[in-house]
Amino acid sequence: MILKLKKLLCYLGLHNYKTINIEYGFNPTDRVTTLECKNCGFTKIKSGG
């Protein structure tokens, strides 16, 4: 039951992210973070400060 609820929340766009990788550049705004959902495996790349 809980697993179905988690899948439903992912389908609605409410993911449970964990940080996979953080890359830094020369400026504070050059940071790139890779996030992955713990439930469905959806990967998101977030850039900027």
C-alpha atoms as a PDB file:
ATOM      1  CA  MET A   1       0.000   0.000   0.000  1.00  0.00           C
ATOM      2  CA  ILE A   2       2.791   2.431   0.929  1.00  0.00           C
ATOM      3  CA  LEU A   3       4.691   1.564  -2.263  1.00  0.00           C
ATOM      4  CA  LYS A   4       1.659   2.427  -4.396  1.00  0.00           C
ATOM      5  CA  LEU A   5       1.307   5.750  -2.580  1.00  0.00           C
ATOM      6  CA  LYS A   6       4.967   6.576  -3.265  1.00  0.00           C
ATOM      7  CA  LYS A   7       4.532   5.722  -6.958  1.00  0.00           C
ATOM      8  CA  LEU A   8       1.418   7.921  -7.091  1.00  0.00           C
ATOM      9  CA  LEU A   9       3.314  10.845  -5.558  1.00  0.00           C
ATOM     10  CA  CYS A  10       6.089  10.390  -8.145  1.00  0.00           C
ATOM     11  CA  TYR A  11       3.493  10.343 -10.909  1.00  0.00           C
ATOM     12  CA  LEU A  12       2.135  13.658  -9.579  1.00  0.00           C
ATOM     13  CA  GLY A  13       5.651  15.149  -9.592  1.00  0.00           C
ATOM     14  CA  LEU A  14       6.405  14.965  -5.856  1.00  0.00           C
ATOM     15  CA  HIS A  15       9.704  13.074  -5.876  1.00  0.00           C
ATOM     16  CA  ASN A  16      11.922  12.071  -2.940  1.00  0.00           C
ATOM     17  CA  TYR A  17      15.342  13.215  -4.179  1.00  0.00           C
ATOM     18  CA  LYS A  18      18.801  12.188  -3.023  1.00  0.00           C
ATOM     19  CA  THR A  19      22.009  13.889  -4.170  1.00  0.00           C
ATOM     20  CA  ILE A  20      24.107  11.783  -6.517  1.00  0.00           C
ATOM     21  CA  ASN A  21      26.858  14.140  -7.670  1.00  0.00           C
ATOM     22  CA  ILE A  22      27.951  17.748  -7.097  1.00  0.00           C
ATOM     23  CA  GLU A  23      30.405  19.429  -9.480  1.00  0.00           C
ATOM     24  CA  TYR A  24      31.951  22.817  -8.741  1.00  0.00           C
ATOM     25  CA  GLY A  25      33.334  25.395 -11.147  1.00  0.00           C
ATOM     26  CA  PHE A  26      35.354  28.572 -10.769  1.00  0.00           C
ATOM     27  CA  ASN A  27      32.370  30.799  -9.944  1.00  0.00           C
ATOM     28  CA  PRO A  28      29.824  30.162  -7.173  1.00  0.00           C
ATOM     29  CA  THR A  29      27.109  29.898  -9.832  1.00  0.00           C
ATOM     30  CA  ASP A  30      28.956  27.161 -11.776  1.00  0.00           C
ATOM     31  CA  ARG A  31      27.768  24.386  -9.460  1.00  0.00           C
ATOM     32  CA  VAL A  32      25.944  21.447 -11.076  1.00  0.00           C
ATOM     33  CA  THR A  33      24.019  19.019  -8.864  1.00  0.00           C
ATOM     34  CA  THR A  34      22.629  15.671 -10.009  1.00  0.00           C
ATOM     35  CA  LEU A  35      19.561  14.484  -8.097  1.00  0.00           C
ATOM     36  CA  GLU A  36      17.805  11.109  -8.302  1.00  0.00           C
ATOM     37  CA  CYS A  37      14.423  10.059  -6.926  1.00  0.00           C
ATOM     38  CA  LYS A  38      14.708   7.235  -4.379  1.00  0.00           C
ATOM     39  CA  ASN A  39      11.381   5.718  -5.451  1.00  0.00           C
ATOM     40  CA  CYS A  40      11.207   5.797  -9.243  1.00  0.00           C
ATOM     41  CA  GLY A  41      14.797   6.576 -10.337  1.00  0.00           C
ATOM     42  CA  PHE A  42      13.939   9.882 -12.068  1.00  0.00           C
ATOM     43  CA  THR A  43      17.126  11.940 -12.582  1.00  0.00           C
ATOM     44  CA  LYS A  44      17.209  15.738 -12.448  1.00  0.00           C
ATOM     45  CA  ILE A  45      20.188  18.008 -13.158  1.00  0.00           C
ATOM     46  CA  LYS A  46      20.099  21.269 -11.225  1.00  0.00           C
ATOM     47  CA  SER A  47      22.502  24.083 -12.112  1.00  0.00           C
ATOM     48  CA  GLY A  48      23.317  27.436 -10.581  1.00  0.00           C
ATOM     49  CA  GLY A  49      23.727  28.701  -7.036  1.00  0.00           C
END
